[in-house]
C-alpha atoms as a PDB file:
ATOM      1  CA  MET A   1     -48.797 -61.784-152.690  1.00  0.00           C
ATOM      2  CA  ALA A   2     -46.997 -59.341-154.070  1.00  0.00           C
ATOM      3  CA  LEU A   3     -48.706 -56.444-152.684  1.00  0.00           C
ATOM      4  CA  PHE A   4     -49.487 -58.097-149.217  1.00  0.00           C
ATOM      5  CA  SER A   5     -45.405 -58.419-148.822  1.00  0.00           C
ATOM      6  CA  LEU A   6     -44.494 -55.143-149.830  1.00  0.00           C
ATOM      7  CA  ALA A   7     -47.138 -53.795-147.579  1.00  0.00           C
ATOM      8  CA  ARG A   8     -45.908 -56.024-144.305  1.00  0.00           C
ATOM      9  CA  SER A   9     -42.329 -54.778-145.114  1.00  0.00           C
ATOM     10  CA  HIS A  10     -43.679 -51.169-145.019  1.00  0.00           C
ATOM     11  CA  LYS A  11     -44.904 -51.849-142.315  1.00  0.00           C
ATOM     12  CA  ALA A  12     -41.838 -53.571-140.576  1.00  0.00           C
ATOM     13  CA  ALA A  13     -39.923 -50.702-141.708  1.00  0.00           C
ATOM     14  CA  ARG A  14     -41.383 -48.468-139.402  1.00  0.00           C
ATOM     15  CA  VAL A  15     -39.121 -47.514-136.444  1.00  0.00           C
ATOM     16  CA  LEU A  16     -41.612 -45.583-134.342  1.00  0.00           C
ATOM     17  CA  PRO A  17     -44.872 -46.850-132.842  1.00  0.00           C
ATOM     18  CA  GLY A  18     -48.620 -46.870-134.525  1.00  0.00           C
ATOM     19  CA  PHE A  19     -50.315 -42.982-134.485  1.00  0.00           C
ATOM     20  CA  ASN A  20     -52.427 -44.082-131.618  1.00  0.00           C
ATOM     21  CA  ILE A  21     -49.836 -44.693-129.142  1.00  0.00           C
ATOM     22  CA  THR A  22     -47.429 -41.612-130.238  1.00  0.00           C
ATOM     23  CA  LEU A  23     -50.566 -39.561-130.186  1.00  0.00           C
ATOM     24  CA  GLY A  24     -51.388 -40.923-126.731  1.00  0.00           C
ATOM     25  CA  PHE A  25     -47.829 -40.204-125.576  1.00  0.00           C
ATOM     26  CA  THR A  26     -47.787 -36.621-127.227  1.00  0.00           C
ATOM     27  CA  LEU A  27     -50.917 -35.862-125.497  1.00  0.00           C
ATOM     28  CA  THR A  28     -49.877 -37.320-122.226  1.00  0.00           C
ATOM     29  CA  TYR A  29     -46.600 -35.344-122.217  1.00  0.00           C
ATOM     30  CA  LEU A  30     -48.115 -31.960-122.949  1.00  0.00           C
ATOM     31  CA  SER A  31     -50.566 -32.475-120.242  1.00  0.00           C
ATOM     32  CA  LEU A  32     -48.410 -32.932-117.944  1.00  0.00           C
ATOM     33  CA  ILE A  33     -45.472 -30.426-118.736  1.00  0.00           C
ATOM     34  CA  VAL A  34     -47.862 -27.513-120.275  1.00  0.00           C
ATOM     35  CA  LEU A  35     -51.697 -28.302-119.515  1.00  0.00           C
ATOM     36  CA  ILE A  36     -51.708 -29.096-116.335  1.00  0.00           C
ATOM     37  CA  PRO A  37     -49.209 -26.546-114.563  1.00  0.00           C
ATOM     38  CA  LEU A  38     -51.346 -23.867-116.946  1.00  0.00           C
ATOM     39  CA  SER A  39     -54.559 -24.897-115.587  1.00  0.00           C
ATOM     40  CA  ALA A  40     -53.320 -24.817-112.017  1.00  0.00           C
ATOM     41  CA  LEU A  41     -52.112 -21.235-112.414  1.00  0.00           C
ATOM     42  CA  ILE A  42     -55.664 -20.096-113.962  1.00  0.00           C
ATOM     43  CA  PHE A  43     -57.862 -21.993-111.539  1.00  0.00           C
ATOM     44  CA  LYS A  44     -55.817 -20.552-108.615  1.00  0.00           C
ATOM     45  CA  THR A  45     -56.611 -16.676-109.948  1.00  0.00           C
ATOM     46  CA  PHE A  46     -60.010 -17.628-109.858  1.00  0.00           C
ATOM     47  CA  THR A  47     -59.734 -17.935-105.939  1.00  0.00           C
ATOM     48  CA  LEU A  48     -59.734 -14.252-106.506  1.00  0.00           C
ATOM     49  CA  THR A  49     -62.721 -11.944-106.620  1.00  0.00           C
ATOM     50  CA  TRP A  50     -62.919  -9.558-110.007  1.00  0.00           C
ATOM     51  CA  ASP A  51     -62.212  -6.209-107.644  1.00  0.00           C
ATOM     52  CA  GLN A  52     -59.299  -8.592-106.181  1.00  0.00           C
ATOM     53  CA  PHE A  53     -57.840  -9.379-109.627  1.00  0.00           C
ATOM     54  CA  VAL A  54     -58.073  -6.097-110.957  1.00  0.00           C
ATOM     55  CA  GLU A  55     -56.186  -4.480-107.770  1.00  0.00           C
ATOM     56  CA  ALA A  56     -53.163  -7.278-108.274  1.00  0.00           C
ATOM     57  CA  VAL A  57     -52.654  -7.011-111.872  1.00  0.00           C
ATOM     58  CA  THR A  58     -53.301  -3.006-112.471  1.00  0.00           C
ATOM     59  CA  GLY A  59     -51.311  -1.628-109.042  1.00  0.00           C
ATOM     60  CA  PRO A  60     -49.032   1.122-110.144  1.00  0.00           C
ATOM     61  CA  ARG A  61     -45.449  -1.224-109.497  1.00  0.00           C
ATOM     62  CA  VAL A  62     -47.177  -3.722-111.388  1.00  0.00           C
ATOM     63  CA  MET A  63     -48.212  -1.600-114.184  1.00  0.00           C
ATOM     64  CA  ALA A  64     -44.605   0.198-114.544  1.00  0.00           C
ATOM     65  CA  SER A  65     -43.066  -3.403-114.417  1.00  0.00           C
ATOM     66  CA  TYR A  66     -45.470  -4.004-117.599  1.00  0.00           C
ATOM     67  CA  ARG A  67     -44.105  -1.223-119.256  1.00  0.00           C
ATOM     68  CA  LEU A  68     -40.415  -1.973-118.781  1.00  0.00           C
ATOM     69  CA  THR A  69     -40.732  -5.682-119.312  1.00  0.00           C
ATOM     70  CA  PHE A  70     -42.600  -5.538-122.721  1.00  0.00           C
ATOM     71  CA  GLY A  71     -41.164  -2.480-123.883  1.00  0.00           C
ATOM     72  CA  ALA A  72     -37.536  -3.741-123.117  1.00  0.00           C
ATOM     73  CA  SER A  73     -38.405  -7.187-124.599  1.00  0.00           C
ATOM     74  CA  LEU A  74     -39.645  -5.388-128.022  1.00  0.00           C
ATOM     75  CA  ILE A  75     -36.620  -3.377-128.298  1.00  0.00           C
ATOM     76  CA  ALA A  76     -34.099  -5.859-127.429  1.00  0.00           C
ATOM     77  CA  ALA A  77     -36.026  -8.220-129.851  1.00  0.00           C
ATOM     78  CA  LEU A  78     -35.580  -5.513-132.736  1.00  0.00           C
ATOM     79  CA  VAL A  79     -32.111  -4.767-131.829  1.00  0.00           C
ATOM     80  CA  ASN A  80     -31.026  -8.560-132.618  1.00  0.00           C
ATOM     81  CA  VAL A  81     -33.315  -9.183-135.705  1.00  0.00           C
ATOM     82  CA  VAL A  82     -31.017  -6.299-136.946  1.00  0.00           C
ATOM     83  CA  PHE A  83     -27.762  -7.401-135.792  1.00  0.00           C
ATOM     84  CA  GLY A  84     -29.168 -11.153-135.393  1.00  0.00           C
ATOM     85  CA  LEU A  85     -29.074 -10.667-139.408  1.00  0.00           C
ATOM     86  CA  LEU A  86     -25.571  -9.402-139.703  1.00  0.00           C
ATOM     87  CA  VAL A  87     -23.994 -11.931-137.487  1.00  0.00           C
ATOM     88  CA  ALA A  88     -26.058 -14.571-139.207  1.00  0.00           C
ATOM     89  CA  TRP A  89     -25.099 -13.257-143.087  1.00  0.00           C
ATOM     90  CA  VAL A  90     -21.087 -12.972-142.057  1.00  0.00           C
ATOM     91  CA  LEU A  91     -21.034 -16.632-140.794  1.00  0.00           C
ATOM     92  CA  VAL A  92     -22.950 -17.877-143.849  1.00  0.00           C
ATOM     93  CA  ARG A  93     -21.344 -15.599-146.778  1.00  0.00           C
ATOM     94  CA  TYR A  94     -17.542 -15.169-145.571  1.00  0.00           C
ATOM     95  CA  ASP A  95     -14.663 -17.223-144.736  1.00  0.00           C
ATOM     96  CA  PHE A  96     -12.418 -15.743-142.680  1.00  0.00           C
ATOM     97  CA  PHE A  97      -9.893 -16.588-139.755  1.00  0.00           C
ATOM     98  CA  GLY A  98     -11.472 -17.609-136.433  1.00  0.00           C
ATOM     99  CA  LYS A  99     -15.012 -18.063-137.905  1.00  0.00           C
ATOM    100  CA  LYS A 100     -15.778 -21.719-136.105  1.00  0.00           C
ATOM    101  CA  VAL A 101     -14.870 -19.877-132.801  1.00  0.00           C
ATOM    102  CA  VAL A 102     -17.036 -16.854-133.530  1.00  0.00           C
ATOM    103  CA  ASP A 103     -19.662 -19.485-134.301  1.00  0.00           C
ATOM    104  CA  ALA A 104     -19.840 -21.051-131.223  1.00  0.00           C
ATOM    105  CA  LEU A 105     -19.658 -17.937-129.160  1.00  0.00           C
ATOM    106  CA  VAL A 106     -23.051 -16.819-130.681  1.00  0.00           C
ATOM    107  CA  ASP A 107     -24.495 -20.264-128.305  1.00  0.00           C
ATOM    108  CA  LEU A 108     -22.519 -18.922-125.360  1.00  0.00           C
ATOM    109  CA  PRO A 109     -25.957 -16.924-123.666  1.00  0.00           C
ATOM    110  CA  PHE A 110     -27.644 -21.050-124.477  1.00  0.00           C
ATOM    111  CA  ALA A 111     -24.785 -22.499-122.183  1.00  0.00           C
ATOM    112  CA  LEU A 112     -24.110 -19.483-119.814  1.00  0.00           C
ATOM    113  CA  PRO A 113     -26.122 -19.782-116.755  1.00  0.00           C
ATOM    114  CA  THR A 114     -28.527 -17.010-116.700  1.00  0.00           C
ATOM    115  CA  ALA A 115     -27.168 -15.491-113.199  1.00  0.00           C
ATOM    116  CA  VAL A 116     -23.349 -15.685-114.431  1.00  0.00           C
ATOM    117  CA  ALA A 117     -24.930 -13.912-117.934  1.00  0.00           C
ATOM    118  CA  GLY A 118     -26.214 -11.239-115.005  1.00  0.00           C
ATOM    119  CA  ILE A 119     -22.827 -10.714-112.792  1.00  0.00           C
ATOM    120  CA  SER A 120     -20.495 -10.436-115.608  1.00  0.00           C
ATOM    121  CA  LEU A 121     -22.615  -7.818-117.613  1.00  0.00           C
ATOM    122  CA  THR A 122     -22.920  -5.947-114.568  1.00  0.00           C
ATOM    123  CA  ALA A 123     -19.309  -6.026-113.791  1.00  0.00           C
ATOM    124  CA  LEU A 124     -18.455  -4.854-117.288  1.00  0.00           C
ATOM    125  CA  LEU A 125     -21.365  -2.479-117.497  1.00  0.00           C
ATOM    126  CA  ALA A 126     -21.102  -0.953-113.738  1.00  0.00           C
ATOM    127  CA  GLY A 127     -19.636   2.529-113.145  1.00  0.00           C
ATOM    128  CA  ASN A 128     -16.858   1.259-111.412  1.00  0.00           C
ATOM    129  CA  GLY A 129     -16.776  -1.672-114.235  1.00  0.00           C
ATOM    130  CA  TRP A 130     -14.487  -2.467-116.883  1.00  0.00           C
ATOM    131  CA  VAL A 131     -16.498  -0.346-119.506  1.00  0.00           C
ATOM    132  CA  GLY A 132     -18.798   1.430-117.440  1.00  0.00           C
ATOM    133  CA  GLN A 133     -15.744   3.227-115.562  1.00  0.00           C
ATOM    134  CA  TYR A 134     -15.232   5.208-118.929  1.00  0.00           C
ATOM    135  CA  LEU A 135     -18.703   5.791-119.883  1.00  0.00           C
ATOM    136  CA  GLU A 136     -20.291   7.031-116.476  1.00  0.00           C
ATOM    137  CA  PRO A 137     -17.835  10.469-116.684  1.00  0.00           C
ATOM    138  CA  MET A 138     -19.553  11.111-119.944  1.00  0.00           C
ATOM    139  CA  GLY A 139     -22.773  11.028-118.374  1.00  0.00           C
ATOM    140  CA  ILE A 140     -23.507   7.634-120.104  1.00  0.00           C
ATOM    141  CA  GLN A 141     -24.950   4.936-117.453  1.00  0.00           C
ATOM    142  CA  LEU A 142     -25.719   1.498-118.820  1.00  0.00           C
ATOM    143  CA  ALA A 143     -26.345  -0.500-115.435  1.00  0.00           C
ATOM    144  CA  PHE A 144     -29.131  -0.428-112.701  1.00  0.00           C
ATOM    145  CA  ASN A 145     -31.499   1.156-114.888  1.00  0.00           C
ATOM    146  CA  PRO A 146     -33.676   0.267-117.669  1.00  0.00           C
ATOM    147  CA  ASN A 147     -30.865   0.606-120.294  1.00  0.00           C
ATOM    148  CA  GLY A 148     -29.209  -2.268-118.346  1.00  0.00           C
ATOM    149  CA  VAL A 149     -32.677  -4.312-118.915  1.00  0.00           C
ATOM    150  CA  VAL A 150     -32.208  -3.716-122.559  1.00  0.00           C
ATOM    151  CA  ILE A 151     -28.502  -4.697-123.037  1.00  0.00           C
ATOM    152  CA  ALA A 152     -29.027  -8.125-120.965  1.00  0.00           C
ATOM    153  CA  LEU A 153     -32.140  -9.245-122.913  1.00  0.00           C
ATOM    154  CA  ILE A 154     -30.091  -8.211-126.289  1.00  0.00           C
ATOM    155  CA  PHE A 155     -27.505 -10.559-124.847  1.00  0.00           C
ATOM    156  CA  ILE A 156     -29.926 -13.938-124.039  1.00  0.00           C
ATOM    157  CA  GLY A 157     -32.246 -13.101-127.318  1.00  0.00           C
ATOM    158  CA  LEU A 158     -29.364 -12.975-130.082  1.00  0.00           C
ATOM    159  CA  PRO A 159     -28.672 -16.886-130.750  1.00  0.00           C
ATOM    160  CA  PHE A 160     -32.704 -17.137-131.433  1.00  0.00           C
ATOM    161  CA  VAL A 161     -32.367 -14.948-134.392  1.00  0.00           C
ATOM    162  CA  VAL A 162     -29.242 -15.943-135.948  1.00  0.00           C
ATOM    163  CA  ARG A 163     -29.523 -19.754-135.293  1.00  0.00           C
ATOM    164  CA  THR A 164     -33.353 -19.280-136.829  1.00  0.00           C
ATOM    165  CA  VAL A 165     -31.696 -17.508-140.077  1.00  0.00           C
ATOM    166  CA  GLN A 166     -28.435 -19.369-140.627  1.00  0.00           C
ATOM    167  CA  PRO A 167     -29.766 -22.231-142.581  1.00  0.00           C
ATOM    168  CA  VAL A 168     -32.199 -20.512-144.370  1.00  0.00           C
ATOM    169  CA  LEU A 169     -29.392 -18.217-145.646  1.00  0.00           C
ATOM    170  CA  GLU A 170     -27.295 -21.160-146.275  1.00  0.00           C
ATOM    171  CA  ASP A 171     -29.922 -22.947-148.599  1.00  0.00           C
ATOM    172  CA  ALA A 172     -31.111 -19.804-149.970  1.00  0.00           C
ATOM    173  CA  GLU A 173     -30.389 -20.290-154.207  1.00  0.00           C
ATOM    174  CA  LYS A 174     -27.591 -18.079-155.315  1.00  0.00           C
ATOM    175  CA  GLU A 175     -28.895 -18.267-158.433  1.00  0.00           C
ATOM    176  CA  LEU A 176     -31.258 -15.806-158.428  1.00  0.00           C
ATOM    177  CA  GLU A 177     -28.672 -13.076-156.726  1.00  0.00           C
ATOM    178  CA  GLU A 178     -26.674 -13.779-160.021  1.00  0.00           C
ATOM    179  CA  ALA A 179     -29.920 -13.744-162.026  1.00  0.00           C
ATOM    180  CA  ALA A 180     -30.602 -10.585-160.812  1.00  0.00           C
ATOM    181  CA  THR A 181     -27.403  -9.001-160.763  1.00  0.00           C
ATOM    182  CA  CYS A 182     -27.242  -9.737-164.762  1.00  0.00           C
ATOM    183  CA  LEU A 183     -30.477  -8.248-164.790  1.00  0.00           C
ATOM    184  CA  GLY A 184     -28.864  -5.177-163.719  1.00  0.00           C
ATOM    185  CA  ALA A 185     -30.541  -4.902-160.042  1.00  0.00           C
ATOM    186  CA  THR A 186     -28.238  -3.136-157.445  1.00  0.00           C
ATOM    187  CA  ARG A 187     -27.194  -4.830-154.397  1.00  0.00           C
ATOM    188  CA  TRP A 188     -29.615  -3.094-152.470  1.00  0.00           C
ATOM    189  CA  GLN A 189     -32.263  -4.125-155.204  1.00  0.00           C
ATOM    190  CA  THR A 190     -31.031  -7.848-154.858  1.00  0.00           C
ATOM    191  CA  PHE A 191     -31.411  -7.818-151.160  1.00  0.00           C
ATOM    192  CA  SER A 192     -34.396  -6.230-150.916  1.00  0.00           C
ATOM    193  CA  ARG A 193     -36.212  -8.163-153.486  1.00  0.00           C
ATOM    194  CA  VAL A 194     -34.752 -11.764-153.863  1.00  0.00           C
ATOM    195  CA  ILE A 195     -32.823 -12.279-150.629  1.00  0.00           C
ATOM    196  CA  PHE A 196     -35.184 -10.609-147.852  1.00  0.00           C
ATOM    197  CA  PRO A 197     -38.418 -11.938-148.898  1.00  0.00           C
ATOM    198  CA  SER A 198     -37.042 -15.476-148.507  1.00  0.00           C
ATOM    199  CA  ILE A 199     -35.428 -15.222-145.112  1.00  0.00           C
ATOM    200  CA  ALA A 200     -38.261 -12.569-144.127  1.00  0.00           C
ATOM    201  CA  PRO A 201     -40.452 -15.962-142.598  1.00  0.00           C
ATOM    202  CA  ALA A 202     -37.484 -16.881-140.535  1.00  0.00           C
ATOM    203  CA  LEU A 203     -36.693 -13.044-139.031  1.00  0.00           C
ATOM    204  CA  LEU A 204     -40.312 -12.924-137.600  1.00  0.00           C
ATOM    205  CA  THR A 205     -39.279 -16.131-135.876  1.00  0.00           C
ATOM    206  CA  GLY A 206     -36.765 -15.479-134.642  1.00  0.00           C
ATOM    207  CA  PHE A 207     -37.925 -12.050-133.807  1.00  0.00           C
ATOM    208  CA  ALA A 208     -41.150 -14.203-131.759  1.00  0.00           C
ATOM    209  CA  MET A 209     -38.443 -16.593-130.143  1.00  0.00           C
ATOM    210  CA  ALA A 210     -36.691 -13.806-128.628  1.00  0.00           C
ATOM    211  CA  PHE A 211     -39.074 -11.849-127.634  1.00  0.00           C
ATOM    212  CA  ALA A 212     -40.838 -14.605-126.009  1.00  0.00           C
ATOM    213  CA  ARG A 213     -37.601 -15.513-124.229  1.00  0.00           C
ATOM    214  CA  ALA A 214     -36.793 -12.052-122.888  1.00  0.00           C
ATOM    215  CA  ILE A 215     -40.445 -11.313-121.257  1.00  0.00           C
ATOM    216  CA  GLY A 216     -39.479 -14.546-118.933  1.00  0.00           C
ATOM    217  CA  GLU A 217     -36.293 -13.709-118.513  1.00  0.00           C
ATOM    218  CA  TYR A 218     -35.143 -13.326-114.596  1.00  0.00           C
ATOM    219  CA  GLY A 219     -31.601 -14.536-113.942  1.00  0.00           C
ATOM    220  CA  SER A 220     -29.508 -12.233-116.318  1.00  0.00           C
ATOM    221  CA  VAL A 221     -31.866  -9.369-115.757  1.00  0.00           C
ATOM    222  CA  ILE A 222     -32.279  -8.583-111.713  1.00  0.00           C
ATOM    223  CA  PHE A 223     -28.388  -8.253-111.168  1.00  0.00           C
ATOM    224  CA  ILE A 224     -27.513  -5.325-113.302  1.00  0.00           C
ATOM    225  CA  ALA A 225     -31.228  -3.747-113.272  1.00  0.00           C
ATOM    226  CA  GLY A 226     -30.942  -2.302-110.182  1.00  0.00           C
ATOM    227  CA  ASN A 227     -34.814  -3.659-109.270  1.00  0.00           C
ATOM    228  CA  MET A 228     -35.968  -0.228-108.501  1.00  0.00           C
ATOM    229  CA  PRO A 229     -39.804  -0.047-107.723  1.00  0.00           C
ATOM    230  CA  MET A 230     -41.473   2.123-110.649  1.00  0.00           C
ATOM    231  CA  VAL A 231     -37.952   2.379-112.749  1.00  0.00           C
ATOM    232  CA  SER A 232     -36.100  -0.817-113.418  1.00  0.00           C
ATOM    233  CA  GLU A 233     -38.606  -3.578-111.736  1.00  0.00           C
ATOM    234  CA  ILE A 234     -39.485  -6.663-114.335  1.00  0.00           C
ATOM    235  CA  THR A 235     -42.752  -8.097-114.031  1.00  0.00           C
ATOM    236  CA  PRO A 236     -40.883 -11.510-113.244  1.00  0.00           C
ATOM    237  CA  LEU A 237     -39.527 -10.296-109.972  1.00  0.00           C
ATOM    238  CA  ILE A 238     -43.235  -8.490-109.097  1.00  0.00           C
ATOM    239  CA  ILE A 239     -44.420 -11.965-108.821  1.00  0.00           C
ATOM    240  CA  ILE A 240     -41.351 -13.434-107.031  1.00  0.00           C
ATOM    241  CA  GLY A 241     -42.169 -10.546-104.758  1.00  0.00           C
ATOM    242  CA  LYS A 242     -45.889 -11.483-104.364  1.00  0.00           C
ATOM    243  CA  LEU A 243     -44.746 -15.412-103.681  1.00  0.00           C
ATOM    244  CA  GLU A 244     -42.088 -14.328-100.904  1.00  0.00           C
ATOM    245  CA  GLN A 245     -45.222 -12.527 -99.632  1.00  0.00           C
ATOM    246  CA  TYR A 246     -47.344 -15.452 -99.628  1.00  0.00           C
ATOM    247  CA  ASP A 247     -49.676 -13.727-101.894  1.00  0.00           C
ATOM    248  CA  TYR A 248     -49.915 -16.718-104.020  1.00  0.00           C
ATOM    249  CA  ALA A 249     -53.349 -15.484-106.011  1.00  0.00           C
ATOM    250  CA  GLY A 250     -51.720 -12.150-106.725  1.00  0.00           C
ATOM    251  CA  ALA A 251     -48.600 -13.534-108.195  1.00  0.00           C
ATOM    252  CA  THR A 252     -50.937 -15.914-110.670  1.00  0.00           C
ATOM    253  CA  ALA A 253     -53.060 -12.960-111.270  1.00  0.00           C
ATOM    254  CA  VAL A 254     -49.901 -11.187-112.766  1.00  0.00           C
ATOM    255  CA  ALA A 255     -48.684 -14.441-114.232  1.00  0.00           C
ATOM    256  CA  VAL A 256     -52.057 -15.124-116.320  1.00  0.00           C
ATOM    257  CA  VAL A 257     -51.893 -11.136-117.506  1.00  0.00           C
ATOM    258  CA  MET A 258     -48.292 -12.084-118.722  1.00  0.00           C
ATOM    259  CA  LEU A 259     -49.435 -15.154-120.456  1.00  0.00           C
ATOM    260  CA  VAL A 260     -52.557 -14.008-121.855  1.00  0.00           C
ATOM    261  CA  ILE A 261     -50.105 -10.841-123.284  1.00  0.00           C
ATOM    262  CA  SER A 262     -47.853 -13.290-124.634  1.00  0.00           C
ATOM    263  CA  PHE A 263     -50.104 -15.515-126.504  1.00  0.00           C
ATOM    264  CA  ILE A 264     -51.941 -12.391-128.148  1.00  0.00           C
ATOM    265  CA  LEU A 265     -48.632 -11.211-129.269  1.00  0.00           C
ATOM    266  CA  LEU A 266     -47.517 -14.809-130.366  1.00  0.00           C
ATOM    267  CA  LEU A 267     -50.578 -15.252-132.209  1.00  0.00           C
ATOM    268  CA  VAL A 268     -50.182 -11.893-133.989  1.00  0.00           C
ATOM    269  CA  ILE A 269     -46.689 -12.508-135.318  1.00  0.00           C
ATOM    270  CA  ASN A 270     -47.667 -16.175-136.268  1.00  0.00           C
ATOM    271  CA  ALA A 271     -50.561 -14.647-138.402  1.00  0.00           C
ATOM    272  CA  LEU A 272     -47.610 -12.150-139.796  1.00  0.00           C
ATOM    273  CA  GLN A 273     -45.729 -15.201-140.881  1.00  0.00           C
ATOM    274  CA  ALA A 274     -48.426 -16.639-142.363  1.00  0.00           C
ATOM    275  CA  TRP A 275     -49.422 -13.399-144.328  1.00  0.00           C
ATOM    276  CA  GLN A 276     -45.549 -13.324-145.441  1.00  0.00           C
ATOM    277  CA  ARG A 277     -45.585 -17.081-146.971  1.00  0.00           C
ATOM    278  CA  ARG A 278     -48.696 -16.218-148.606  1.00  0.00           C
ATOM    279  CA  HIS A 279     -47.466 -13.293-150.273  1.00  0.00           C
ATOM    280  CA  THR A 280     -44.366 -14.346-151.124  1.00  0.00           C
ATOM    281  CA  GLY A 281     -45.062 -18.018-151.859  1.00  0.00           C
ATOM    282  CA  ALA A 282     -42.697 -19.387-149.818  1.00  0.00           C
ATOM    283  CA  PRO A 283     -43.093 -23.150-148.370  1.00  0.00           C
ATOM    284  CA  ALA A 284     -45.130 -23.383-144.604  1.00  0.00           C
END
């Protein structure tokens, strides 16, 4: 009787419905939001013959856009890993005047419309901009070329690294650092052997999120890139151009290539994360 009452009270304490209902809602939601659109993308691509598909995804302008999109995204994500870690470290380990303001500014790229971000960066870095007017006479051009693409992608990707690493640093056990110091470890040894292994999976996660976000970025890039074919034209702009020309199959073909490459890169990053957890013994 007591066991029955306990089971009954445990069942009544459940906030969400049972497993079958929640699983059904989950699969339905994922199908509507993710699986069906991706399936439509792939099925539309199948309307092309193999030769047409290869021609659509390997044209000179398309290949140049691949190099710029993935290359700039990789550079921006790597830069964000370094500076995102520094920003997260400062926000967690130090107290200073205006800390809450700085912490709120980190989330600005999340709230700011991407078009506004692109216009702001262009007004700042163009040849007649607030900063560009001093750099351009020295031969440093940061707008309307691939440099502008990288800067825009760094701007929109920084919060992903900071917000991924910050809670891990907050939960880090400072006793381990103190023990390493007592044992004679230098600051670099303490960071590289005690702190870094615990935050490495979070850094990889932040890198993956910033990289994936940068690959699909459009609004903040088109204003500062210049959109010159073979020079500063990103792949999303190629897709938009094909759609405006009513080449829907060609647009979906390029999109499928980007999708496949993105999936492969994310799988590689997830495999690195799993290896890092096994190597360091960090929880999954």
